[in-house]
Amino acid sequence: MESTFAIIDMLPTYGLLCYAVLSVCVAVAFRTLNRTDGERCHPRAAVVALLIGSAAVALFAYAAYVIAMPYAQPDMVDFYHTYQPVVPLFLTGCFAVQFVFGVAAATGWRGRRK
């Protein structure tokens, strides 16, 4: 029974960590799409699908944070309450980085190359 509570205690953190890893993977995927050479069509459908999926995972991560927070041990509840205002900013910031890389990949913008 103790291991179940340990999982619940860390569930909000696991959700945020999962989204951080997903955010990096999606940004790298967009960067890779942006670097492909040769003739290709712009992968707008793939970019939109990945952004929608990423937004859904961000909402699930925030829901896990809010739902599991009251069931954690008292010392962890205080910790999660302290950082609750920052969590939406973190998730929005990660999504904004993905969005910028996605727009760059969808439009074919590469920036300056020397």
N, C-alpha and C. Protein backbone atom coordinates (compact mmCIF):
# COMPACT_ATOMS: atom_id res chain seq x y z
N MET A 1 0.82 -1.18 0.00
CA MET A 1 0.00 0.00 0.00
C MET A 1 0.87 1.25 0.00
N GLU A 2 2.03 1.17 0.62
CA GLU A 2 2.92 2.32 0.67
C GLU A 2 3.42 2.70 -0.72
N SER A 3 3.65 1.73 -1.58
CA SER A 3 4.15 2.05 -2.93
C SER A 3 3.09 2.78 -3.75
N THR A 4 1.81 2.50 -3.52
CA THR A 4 0.75 3.21 -4.22
C THR A 4 0.77 4.69 -3.86
N PHE A 5 0.97 4.99 -2.58
CA PHE A 5 1.02 6.39 -2.18
C PHE A 5 2.27 7.08 -2.70
N ALA A 6 3.35 6.35 -2.83
CA ALA A 6 4.56 6.94 -3.39
C ALA A 6 4.34 7.32 -4.85
N ILE A 7 3.61 6.50 -5.57
CA ILE A 7 3.32 6.83 -6.97
C ILE A 7 2.41 8.04 -7.04
N ILE A 8 1.40 8.10 -6.17
CA ILE A 8 0.50 9.25 -6.16
C ILE A 8 1.25 10.51 -5.75
N ASP A 9 2.19 10.38 -4.82
CA ASP A 9 2.97 11.54 -4.40
C ASP A 9 3.77 12.12 -5.56
N MET A 10 4.25 11.29 -6.43
CA MET A 10 5.12 11.76 -7.50
C MET A 10 4.39 11.92 -8.84
N LEU A 11 3.12 11.58 -8.92
CA LEU A 11 2.38 11.64 -10.18
C LEU A 11 2.40 13.03 -10.81
N PRO A 12 2.18 14.11 -10.07
CA PRO A 12 2.26 15.42 -10.71
C PRO A 12 3.65 15.71 -11.29
N THR A 13 4.68 15.30 -10.58
CA THR A 13 6.04 15.50 -11.08
C THR A 13 6.29 14.65 -12.31
N TYR A 14 5.81 13.42 -12.30
CA TYR A 14 5.97 12.56 -13.47
C TYR A 14 5.27 13.15 -14.69
N GLY A 15 4.10 13.72 -14.49
CA GLY A 15 3.38 14.34 -15.61
C GLY A 15 4.15 15.50 -16.21
N LEU A 16 4.72 16.35 -15.36
CA LEU A 16 5.51 17.48 -15.85
C LEU A 16 6.79 17.02 -16.52
N LEU A 17 7.43 16.02 -15.95
CA LEU A 17 8.64 15.48 -16.56
C LEU A 17 8.34 14.84 -17.91
N CYS A 18 7.24 14.11 -17.99
CA CYS A 18 6.83 13.50 -19.26
C CYS A 18 6.60 14.57 -20.31
N TYR A 19 5.95 15.67 -19.93
CA TYR A 19 5.69 16.72 -20.92
C TYR A 19 6.97 17.44 -21.31
N ALA A 20 7.90 17.59 -20.39
CA ALA A 20 9.18 18.21 -20.73
C ALA A 20 9.94 17.36 -21.74
N VAL A 21 9.95 16.05 -21.53
CA VAL A 21 10.62 15.15 -22.48
C VAL A 21 9.90 15.17 -23.83
N LEU A 22 8.57 15.12 -23.81
CA LEU A 22 7.80 15.18 -25.05
C LEU A 22 8.06 16.50 -25.78
N SER A 23 8.15 17.58 -25.04
CA SER A 23 8.39 18.89 -25.63
C SER A 23 9.73 18.92 -26.36
N VAL A 24 10.75 18.37 -25.75
CA VAL A 24 12.06 18.32 -26.39
C VAL A 24 12.01 17.45 -27.64
N CYS A 25 11.34 16.30 -27.55
CA CYS A 25 11.24 15.40 -28.72
C CYS A 25 10.49 16.06 -29.87
N VAL A 26 9.42 16.76 -29.59
CA VAL A 26 8.64 17.42 -30.64
C VAL A 26 9.45 18.57 -31.25
N ALA A 27 10.15 19.34 -30.43
CA ALA A 27 10.97 20.43 -30.94
C ALA A 27 12.10 19.89 -31.83
N VAL A 28 12.70 18.79 -31.43
CA VAL A 28 13.75 18.18 -32.25
C VAL A 28 13.16 17.63 -33.55
N ALA A 29 11.97 17.07 -33.48
CA ALA A 29 11.32 16.57 -34.70
C ALA A 29 11.03 17.72 -35.66
N PHE A 30 10.57 18.85 -35.13
CA PHE A 30 10.32 20.01 -35.98
C PHE A 30 11.62 20.55 -36.56
N ARG A 31 12.65 20.57 -35.76
CA ARG A 31 13.95 21.05 -36.24
C ARG A 31 14.48 20.13 -37.34
N THR A 32 14.26 18.84 -37.19
CA THR A 32 14.68 17.89 -38.21
C THR A 32 13.88 18.08 -39.49
N LEU A 33 12.56 18.31 -39.37
CA LEU A 33 11.75 18.59 -40.55
C LEU A 33 12.22 19.85 -41.26
N ASN A 34 12.69 20.81 -40.49
CA ASN A 34 13.14 22.08 -41.04
C ASN A 34 14.48 21.93 -41.77
N ARG A 35 15.28 20.96 -41.39
CA ARG A 35 16.61 20.81 -41.96
C ARG A 35 16.67 19.89 -43.17
N THR A 36 15.59 19.25 -43.51
CA THR A 36 15.64 18.35 -44.66
C THR A 36 15.87 19.17 -45.92
N ASP A 37 16.73 18.66 -46.77
CA ASP A 37 17.06 19.34 -48.02
C ASP A 37 16.34 18.68 -49.18
N GLY A 38 16.39 19.33 -50.29
CA GLY A 38 15.74 18.79 -51.48
C GLY A 38 14.32 19.27 -51.61
N GLU A 39 13.68 18.80 -52.66
CA GLU A 39 12.31 19.21 -52.89
C GLU A 39 11.37 18.38 -52.01
N ARG A 40 10.52 19.08 -51.36
CA ARG A 40 9.54 18.42 -50.50
C ARG A 40 8.37 19.36 -50.30
N CYS A 41 7.26 18.81 -49.95
CA CYS A 41 6.13 19.66 -49.61
C CYS A 41 6.27 20.06 -48.15
N HIS A 42 5.70 21.15 -47.80
CA HIS A 42 5.78 21.59 -46.41
C HIS A 42 4.92 20.70 -45.54
N PRO A 43 5.46 20.22 -44.48
CA PRO A 43 4.74 19.24 -43.65
C PRO A 43 3.75 19.89 -42.68
N ARG A 44 2.85 20.68 -43.21
CA ARG A 44 1.91 21.41 -42.34
C ARG A 44 1.00 20.46 -41.57
N ALA A 45 0.53 19.42 -42.22
CA ALA A 45 -0.38 18.48 -41.54
C ALA A 45 0.33 17.79 -40.38
N ALA A 46 1.58 17.40 -40.57
CA ALA A 46 2.34 16.76 -39.49
C ALA A 46 2.58 17.73 -38.35
N VAL A 47 2.88 18.97 -38.68
CA VAL A 47 3.12 19.98 -37.65
C VAL A 47 1.85 20.23 -36.84
N VAL A 48 0.74 20.39 -37.52
CA VAL A 48 -0.52 20.63 -36.82
C VAL A 48 -0.89 19.44 -35.95
N ALA A 49 -0.73 18.23 -36.46
CA ALA A 49 -1.06 17.04 -35.68
C ALA A 49 -0.18 16.92 -34.44
N LEU A 50 1.11 17.18 -34.59
CA LEU A 50 2.01 17.11 -33.43
C LEU A 50 1.69 18.20 -32.41
N LEU A 51 1.34 19.39 -32.88
CA LEU A 51 1.00 20.46 -31.95
C LEU A 51 -0.31 20.17 -31.20
N ILE A 52 -1.28 19.60 -31.89
CA ILE A 52 -2.54 19.24 -31.23
C ILE A 52 -2.29 18.13 -30.21
N GLY A 53 -1.51 17.14 -30.58
CA GLY A 53 -1.17 16.07 -29.64
C GLY A 53 -0.40 16.59 -28.44
N SER A 54 0.51 17.49 -28.68
CA SER A 54 1.29 18.07 -27.59
C SER A 54 0.41 18.90 -26.65
N ALA A 55 -0.52 19.64 -27.21
CA ALA A 55 -1.43 20.43 -26.37
C ALA A 55 -2.31 19.51 -25.52
N ALA A 56 -2.73 18.39 -26.10
CA ALA A 56 -3.54 17.43 -25.33
C ALA A 56 -2.73 16.83 -24.18
N VAL A 57 -1.48 16.51 -24.44
CA VAL A 57 -0.63 15.97 -23.37
C VAL A 57 -0.38 17.02 -22.29
N ALA A 58 -0.24 18.29 -22.70
CA ALA A 58 -0.06 19.36 -21.71
C ALA A 58 -1.31 19.48 -20.82
N LEU A 59 -2.47 19.37 -21.42
CA LEU A 59 -3.70 19.43 -20.62
C LEU A 59 -3.80 18.24 -19.67
N PHE A 60 -3.41 17.06 -20.15
CA PHE A 60 -3.43 15.88 -19.28
C PHE A 60 -2.41 16.02 -18.15
N ALA A 61 -1.24 16.58 -18.44
CA ALA A 61 -0.23 16.78 -17.40
C ALA A 61 -0.74 17.74 -16.34
N TYR A 62 -1.40 18.81 -16.77
CA TYR A 62 -1.94 19.75 -15.80
C TYR A 62 -3.09 19.13 -15.01
N ALA A 63 -3.92 18.34 -15.67
CA ALA A 63 -5.01 17.66 -14.97
C ALA A 63 -4.46 16.68 -13.94
N ALA A 64 -3.41 15.95 -14.31
CA ALA A 64 -2.79 15.03 -13.34
C ALA A 64 -2.23 15.79 -12.16
N TYR A 65 -1.66 16.96 -12.43
CA TYR A 65 -1.10 17.79 -11.35
C TYR A 65 -2.20 18.22 -10.40
N VAL A 66 -3.30 18.72 -10.95
CA VAL A 66 -4.38 19.25 -10.10
C VAL A 66 -5.14 18.13 -9.40
N ILE A 67 -5.36 17.02 -10.08
CA ILE A 67 -6.16 15.94 -9.49
C ILE A 67 -5.38 15.16 -8.44
N ALA A 68 -4.11 14.87 -8.71
CA ALA A 68 -3.33 14.04 -7.78
C ALA A 68 -2.77 14.84 -6.61
N MET A 69 -2.73 16.15 -6.73
CA MET A 69 -2.13 16.98 -5.68
C MET A 69 -2.78 16.78 -4.30
N PRO A 70 -4.11 16.76 -4.18
CA PRO A 70 -4.69 16.62 -2.84
C PRO A 70 -4.47 15.25 -2.21
N TYR A 71 -4.14 14.24 -3.01
CA TYR A 71 -3.99 12.89 -2.48
C TYR A 71 -2.56 12.57 -2.07
N ALA A 72 -1.65 13.50 -2.27
CA ALA A 72 -0.27 13.28 -1.87
C ALA A 72 -0.15 13.43 -0.36
N GLN A 73 1.00 13.05 0.17
CA GLN A 73 1.25 13.20 1.59
C GLN A 73 1.30 14.68 1.94
N PRO A 74 1.04 15.02 3.20
CA PRO A 74 0.93 16.44 3.57
C PRO A 74 2.14 17.30 3.20
N ASP A 75 3.35 16.76 3.34
CA ASP A 75 4.51 17.57 2.99
C ASP A 75 4.59 17.80 1.48
N MET A 76 4.16 16.84 0.69
CA MET A 76 4.16 17.00 -0.76
C MET A 76 3.03 17.92 -1.22
N VAL A 77 1.90 17.90 -0.53
CA VAL A 77 0.79 18.78 -0.88
C VAL A 77 1.23 20.24 -0.76
N ASP A 78 1.95 20.56 0.30
CA ASP A 78 2.47 21.92 0.45
C ASP A 78 3.42 22.28 -0.68
N PHE A 79 4.26 21.34 -1.05
CA PHE A 79 5.20 21.56 -2.15
C PHE A 79 4.45 21.82 -3.45
N TYR A 80 3.44 21.00 -3.74
CA TYR A 80 2.69 21.16 -4.99
C TYR A 80 1.84 22.43 -4.98
N HIS A 81 1.31 22.81 -3.82
CA HIS A 81 0.57 24.07 -3.74
C HIS A 81 1.47 25.27 -3.98
N THR A 82 2.72 25.16 -3.54
CA THR A 82 3.67 26.26 -3.73
C THR A 82 3.93 26.50 -5.21
N TYR A 83 4.07 25.43 -5.97
CA TYR A 83 4.43 25.56 -7.38
C TYR A 83 3.23 25.51 -8.33
N GLN A 84 2.02 25.43 -7.81
CA GLN A 84 0.84 25.36 -8.68
C GLN A 84 0.71 26.56 -9.60
N PRO A 85 1.00 27.80 -9.20
CA PRO A 85 0.87 28.92 -10.14
C PRO A 85 1.90 28.88 -11.27
N VAL A 86 3.01 28.20 -11.07
CA VAL A 86 4.09 28.18 -12.06
C VAL A 86 3.87 27.08 -13.11
N VAL A 87 3.13 26.05 -12.75
CA VAL A 87 2.94 24.91 -13.65
C VAL A 87 2.30 25.32 -14.98
N PRO A 88 1.23 26.11 -15.01
CA PRO A 88 0.69 26.52 -16.32
C PRO A 88 1.68 27.35 -17.13
N LEU A 89 2.49 28.15 -16.45
CA LEU A 89 3.51 28.92 -17.17
C LEU A 89 4.56 28.01 -17.79
N PHE A 90 4.97 26.98 -17.05
CA PHE A 90 5.93 26.01 -17.57
C PHE A 90 5.37 25.28 -18.79
N LEU A 91 4.13 24.80 -18.68
CA LEU A 91 3.52 24.07 -19.79
C LEU A 91 3.31 24.99 -21.00
N THR A 92 2.89 26.22 -20.76
CA THR A 92 2.70 27.16 -21.86
C THR A 92 4.02 27.52 -22.51
N GLY A 93 5.07 27.68 -21.71
CA GLY A 93 6.39 27.99 -22.26
C GLY A 93 6.93 26.86 -23.12
N CYS A 94 6.77 25.63 -22.66
CA CYS A 94 7.20 24.48 -23.47
C CYS A 94 6.42 24.42 -24.77
N PHE A 95 5.12 24.67 -24.69
CA PHE A 95 4.31 24.64 -25.91
C PHE A 95 4.68 25.78 -26.85
N ALA A 96 5.01 26.93 -26.31
CA ALA A 96 5.41 28.07 -27.15
C ALA A 96 6.69 27.76 -27.91
N VAL A 97 7.64 27.12 -27.26
CA VAL A 97 8.88 26.72 -27.95
C VAL A 97 8.56 25.75 -29.08
N GLN A 98 7.70 24.78 -28.81
CA GLN A 98 7.30 23.83 -29.85
C GLN A 98 6.59 24.55 -30.99
N PHE A 99 5.75 25.52 -30.65
CA PHE A 99 5.01 26.25 -31.67
C PHE A 99 5.95 27.01 -32.58
N VAL A 100 6.97 27.64 -32.02
CA VAL A 100 7.94 28.38 -32.83
C VAL A 100 8.68 27.44 -33.77
N PHE A 101 9.15 26.31 -33.26
CA PHE A 101 9.82 25.34 -34.12
C PHE A 101 8.86 24.76 -35.16
N GLY A 102 7.59 24.58 -34.78
CA GLY A 102 6.61 24.06 -35.72
C GLY A 102 6.31 25.03 -36.84
N VAL A 103 6.18 26.31 -36.52
CA VAL A 103 5.95 27.32 -37.55
C VAL A 103 7.15 27.39 -38.49
N ALA A 104 8.34 27.32 -37.92
CA ALA A 104 9.55 27.33 -38.76
C ALA A 104 9.60 26.12 -39.68
N ALA A 105 9.19 24.97 -39.19
CA ALA A 105 9.19 23.76 -40.02
C ALA A 105 8.10 23.82 -41.07
N ALA A 106 6.93 24.33 -40.72
CA ALA A 106 5.80 24.36 -41.66
C ALA A 106 6.00 25.37 -42.77
N THR A 107 6.67 26.46 -42.45
CA THR A 107 6.87 27.50 -43.47
C THR A 107 8.17 27.33 -44.23
N GLY A 108 9.02 26.45 -43.76
CA GLY A 108 10.30 26.24 -44.43
C GLY A 108 11.34 27.28 -44.09
N TRP A 109 11.08 28.07 -43.06
CA TRP A 109 12.02 29.11 -42.66
C TRP A 109 13.21 28.48 -41.96
N ARG A 110 14.39 28.82 -42.42
CA ARG A 110 15.59 28.21 -41.86
C ARG A 110 16.49 29.19 -41.15
N GLY A 111 16.25 30.45 -41.31
CA GLY A 111 17.15 31.42 -40.71
C GLY A 111 18.36 31.63 -41.62
N ARG A 112 19.33 32.32 -41.11
CA ARG A 112 20.53 32.60 -41.91
C ARG A 112 21.50 31.43 -41.82
N ARG A 113 22.09 31.12 -42.94
CA ARG A 113 23.15 30.12 -43.00
C ARG A 113 24.38 30.78 -43.59
N LYS A 114 25.50 30.50 -43.00
CA LYS A 114 26.74 31.09 -43.50
C LYS A 114 27.51 30.11 -44.33
